[in-house]
Amino acid sequence: MHFDFFTYLVYSPRGVTKNAEKSKRLLGLCKNGSPKFSIDLAESIINNKNTEFFKDSILVPTPRSAPLVLDGVFPSRVIAENLVKKNLSSDVITCLKRIKVIPKSSSQYTAELRNSVQTHLDSLAVTPMLITKPNIILIDDVLTLGRTSMACAIKLKEQYPEHIIKIFCVFRTRSLNNNKDLLVDPQKGTMILSTYNKVILPD
């Protein structure tokens, strides 16, 4: 099982450079569902000519770690809706849902403690909806180990086997230092699920 992904910004949780500190502030805006952040993101993607990834697609927001509550912040949906407003995609479909609570990734500090792909799979469900575009792009805020994205993509592929499933995460968790202090660093690659249910990322 493998899926293409695209990340645009770098998030450096332990970095001390100017851009590392800025990455933390921007992630805070993203996770708080700031519409301005998402609009600025979309405009930057367009201005840097990184729009091809979104061609002929609909967007599916990645659910949070618990079922959504009334009036709750849904950051990935805010991102998706503003990408659509800027004509990067045609529509947003909220067909992927969390059916039971799992621990938040932000509260798990090591790879061993973080939710496994199987834990995610057991907590997700897809509501069938008509999708006419050939590409379905999963939208999320941060790519760290890839387990959330992999599980969500697998669920979508099970429901929509004829569609191409891709993943867009705003941030990729990286170390920033003085040798490569890049905040905007568009990267594309393919994540692979190994036979041992481990997610393999290209770097």
Protein backbone atom coordinates (compact mmCIF):
# COMPACT_ATOMS: atom_id res chain seq x y z
CA MET A 1 0.00 0.00 0.00
CA HIS A 2 1.48 3.37 -0.99
CA PHE A 3 0.27 6.96 -1.41
CA ASP A 4 1.81 10.11 -2.83
CA PHE A 5 2.06 13.07 -0.47
CA PHE A 6 2.89 16.78 -0.62
CA THR A 7 4.02 18.97 2.27
CA TYR A 8 4.58 22.70 2.05
CA LEU A 9 5.97 24.15 5.30
CA VAL A 10 8.44 22.89 7.88
CA TYR A 11 7.53 22.53 11.55
CA SER A 12 10.50 22.41 13.90
CA PRO A 13 9.33 21.62 17.46
CA ARG A 14 12.82 21.82 19.01
CA GLY A 15 14.53 24.32 16.72
CA VAL A 16 15.82 27.65 18.03
CA THR A 17 16.34 29.57 14.79
CA LYS A 18 14.09 32.43 13.72
CA ASN A 19 12.19 30.26 11.24
CA ALA A 20 11.90 27.40 13.73
CA GLU A 21 10.20 29.75 16.17
CA LYS A 22 7.98 31.08 13.39
CA SER A 23 7.01 27.52 12.43
CA LYS A 24 5.65 26.97 15.94
CA ARG A 25 3.56 30.13 15.78
CA LEU A 26 2.20 29.22 12.35
CA LEU A 27 1.31 25.71 13.48
CA GLY A 28 -0.61 27.25 16.37
CA LEU A 29 -2.63 29.36 13.93
CA CYS A 30 -3.25 26.30 11.76
CA LYS A 31 -4.43 24.12 14.64
CA ASN A 32 -6.68 26.91 15.92
CA GLY A 33 -8.45 26.98 12.56
CA SER A 34 -7.28 30.46 11.47
CA PRO A 35 -8.95 31.28 8.11
CA LYS A 36 -6.28 33.90 7.37
CA PHE A 37 -3.53 31.33 7.79
CA SER A 38 -5.25 29.00 5.31
CA ILE A 39 -5.86 31.79 2.79
CA ASP A 40 -2.22 32.89 3.02
CA LEU A 41 -1.17 29.26 2.59
CA ALA A 42 -3.28 28.83 -0.55
CA GLU A 43 -1.98 32.07 -2.04
CA SER A 44 1.60 31.04 -1.36
CA ILE A 45 1.04 27.66 -3.05
CA ILE A 46 -0.37 29.46 -6.09
CA ASN A 47 2.38 32.09 -6.20
CA ASN A 48 5.08 29.41 -6.00
CA LYS A 49 3.41 27.41 -8.80
CA ASN A 50 2.76 24.30 -6.71
CA THR A 51 -0.83 23.80 -7.88
CA GLU A 52 -0.46 20.72 -10.11
CA PHE A 53 -0.83 18.30 -7.18
CA PHE A 54 -4.42 19.49 -6.64
CA LYS A 55 -5.61 19.11 -10.25
CA ASP A 56 -8.95 17.31 -10.82
CA SER A 57 -9.51 16.65 -7.14
CA ILE A 58 -11.89 16.87 -4.22
CA LEU A 59 -10.58 17.35 -0.69
CA VAL A 60 -11.31 15.22 2.38
CA PRO A 61 -10.35 16.69 5.79
CA THR A 62 -8.58 14.40 8.23
CA PRO A 63 -10.68 14.03 11.39
CA ARG A 64 -9.38 15.01 14.80
CA SER A 65 -8.50 12.45 17.49
CA ALA A 66 -12.06 12.45 18.85
CA PRO A 67 -15.50 12.62 17.20
CA LEU A 68 -16.31 16.22 16.27
CA VAL A 69 -18.47 18.13 18.75
CA LEU A 70 -20.96 20.87 17.82
CA ASP A 71 -19.12 24.13 17.04
CA GLY A 72 -15.75 22.41 17.59
CA VAL A 73 -12.68 23.60 15.68
CA PHE A 74 -11.94 21.37 12.68
CA PRO A 75 -8.57 22.66 11.40
CA SER A 76 -8.20 20.38 8.37
CA ARG A 77 -11.66 21.37 7.13
CA VAL A 78 -10.77 25.07 7.42
CA ILE A 79 -7.64 24.40 5.37
CA ALA A 80 -9.59 22.43 2.76
CA GLU A 81 -12.37 25.02 2.46
CA ASN A 82 -9.90 27.83 1.86
CA LEU A 83 -7.95 25.82 -0.70
CA VAL A 84 -11.25 25.45 -2.55
CA LYS A 85 -12.00 29.17 -2.20
CA LYS A 86 -8.73 29.84 -3.99
CA ASN A 87 -9.72 27.37 -6.74
CA LEU A 88 -7.03 24.82 -5.97
CA SER A 89 -9.71 22.11 -5.83
CA SER A 90 -13.38 21.82 -6.67
CA ASP A 91 -15.03 20.74 -3.40
CA VAL A 92 -14.69 19.55 0.19
CA ILE A 93 -16.38 16.32 1.29
CA THR A 94 -16.41 15.43 4.98
CA CYS A 95 -16.86 11.70 4.52
CA LEU A 96 -14.14 10.50 6.88
CA LYS A 97 -15.04 10.41 10.57
CA ARG A 98 -13.51 9.40 13.87
CA ILE A 99 -15.91 6.97 15.55
CA LYS A 100 -14.00 6.59 18.81
CA VAL A 101 -11.51 8.66 20.75
CA ILE A 102 -7.78 7.97 20.48
CA PRO A 103 -4.90 9.75 22.27
CA LYS A 104 -3.78 13.04 20.71
CA SER A 105 -0.50 12.80 18.83
CA SER A 106 0.70 16.01 20.50
CA SER A 107 0.55 14.27 23.89
CA GLN A 108 2.72 11.35 22.75
CA TYR A 109 6.40 12.29 22.66
CA THR A 110 8.05 9.20 21.20
CA ALA A 111 7.35 7.02 18.17
CA GLU A 112 6.73 4.03 20.42
CA LEU A 113 3.97 5.84 22.30
CA ARG A 114 2.19 7.25 19.25
CA ASN A 115 -0.92 5.59 17.85
CA SER A 116 -0.23 2.77 15.42
CA VAL A 117 -1.72 2.58 11.95
CA GLN A 118 -4.04 -0.15 13.21
CA THR A 119 -5.22 1.99 16.14
CA HIS A 120 -6.16 4.70 13.67
CA LEU A 121 -7.86 2.23 11.33
CA ASP A 122 -10.01 0.87 14.17
CA SER A 123 -11.19 4.38 15.07
CA LEU A 124 -12.15 5.59 11.57
CA ALA A 125 -15.17 5.16 9.30
CA VAL A 126 -16.11 6.44 5.85
CA THR A 127 -19.60 7.62 4.91
CA PRO A 128 -20.09 6.80 1.20
CA MET A 129 -20.62 9.88 -0.97
CA LEU A 130 -20.63 10.44 -4.71
CA ILE A 131 -17.23 11.64 -5.92
CA THR A 132 -16.89 12.45 -9.60
CA LYS A 133 -13.30 13.73 -9.66
CA PRO A 134 -10.54 11.13 -10.24
CA ASN A 135 -8.34 12.34 -7.36
CA ILE A 136 -9.18 12.39 -3.66
CA ILE A 137 -6.76 14.42 -1.55
CA LEU A 138 -6.63 13.89 2.18
CA ILE A 139 -5.97 17.18 4.00
CA ASP A 140 -4.10 17.32 7.32
CA ASP A 141 -2.02 19.79 9.31
CA VAL A 142 1.23 17.96 10.19
CA LEU A 143 3.08 14.95 8.78
CA THR A 144 5.42 13.42 11.37
CA LEU A 145 5.48 9.62 11.23
CA GLY A 146 2.71 9.32 8.63
CA ARG A 147 0.54 6.91 10.60
CA THR A 148 -2.58 9.09 10.68
CA SER A 149 -2.32 9.89 6.97
CA MET A 150 -1.66 6.28 6.03
CA ALA A 151 -4.66 4.96 7.97
CA CYS A 152 -7.00 7.64 6.60
CA ALA A 153 -5.78 7.01 3.04
CA ILE A 154 -6.32 3.26 3.43
CA LYS A 155 -9.88 3.83 4.63
CA LEU A 156 -10.60 6.07 1.64
CA LYS A 157 -9.04 3.59 -0.78
CA GLU A 158 -11.22 0.80 0.59
CA GLN A 159 -14.34 2.88 -0.10
CA TYR A 160 -13.12 4.38 -3.39
CA PRO A 161 -10.86 1.75 -5.02
CA GLU A 162 -11.10 3.33 -8.49
CA HIS A 163 -9.90 6.75 -7.30
CA ILE A 164 -6.36 7.98 -6.80
CA ILE A 165 -5.84 8.82 -3.12
CA LYS A 166 -3.21 11.44 -2.28
CA ILE A 167 -2.20 13.30 0.87
CA PHE A 168 -1.53 16.99 1.50
CA CYS A 169 -0.12 18.02 4.88
CA VAL A 170 0.60 21.69 5.49
CA PHE A 171 3.66 20.98 7.67
CA ARG A 172 6.35 18.31 7.73
CA THR A 173 8.08 17.84 11.09
CA ARG A 174 11.78 18.57 10.60
CA SER A 175 14.81 19.88 12.45
CA LEU A 176 15.73 23.41 11.43
CA ASN A 177 19.30 24.58 11.90
CA ASN A 178 21.56 27.24 10.50
CA ASN A 179 22.57 25.02 7.59
CA LYS A 180 19.01 24.62 6.31
CA ASP A 181 16.74 27.16 7.94
CA LEU A 182 13.88 26.89 5.44
CA LEU A 183 10.30 27.50 6.48
CA VAL A 184 8.72 27.15 3.04
CA ASP A 185 10.09 23.89 1.68
CA PRO A 186 7.66 22.14 -0.70
CA GLN A 187 8.35 18.41 -0.77
CA LYS A 188 6.67 15.55 -2.61
CA GLY A 189 7.15 11.86 -2.04
CA THR A 190 5.50 8.49 -1.53
CA MET A 191 4.71 6.86 1.80
CA ILE A 192 4.67 3.07 1.90
CA LEU A 193 3.06 0.66 4.37
CA SER A 194 5.47 -2.21 5.07
CA THR A 195 4.46 -5.80 5.73
CA TYR A 196 4.95 -5.03 9.43
CA ASN A 197 2.44 -2.14 9.35
CA LYS A 198 5.24 0.43 9.56
CA VAL A 199 5.03 3.61 7.49
CA ILE A 200 8.13 4.17 5.38
CA LEU A 201 8.82 7.76 4.34
CA PRO A 202 11.42 8.67 1.69
CA ASP A 203 13.66 10.64 4.08
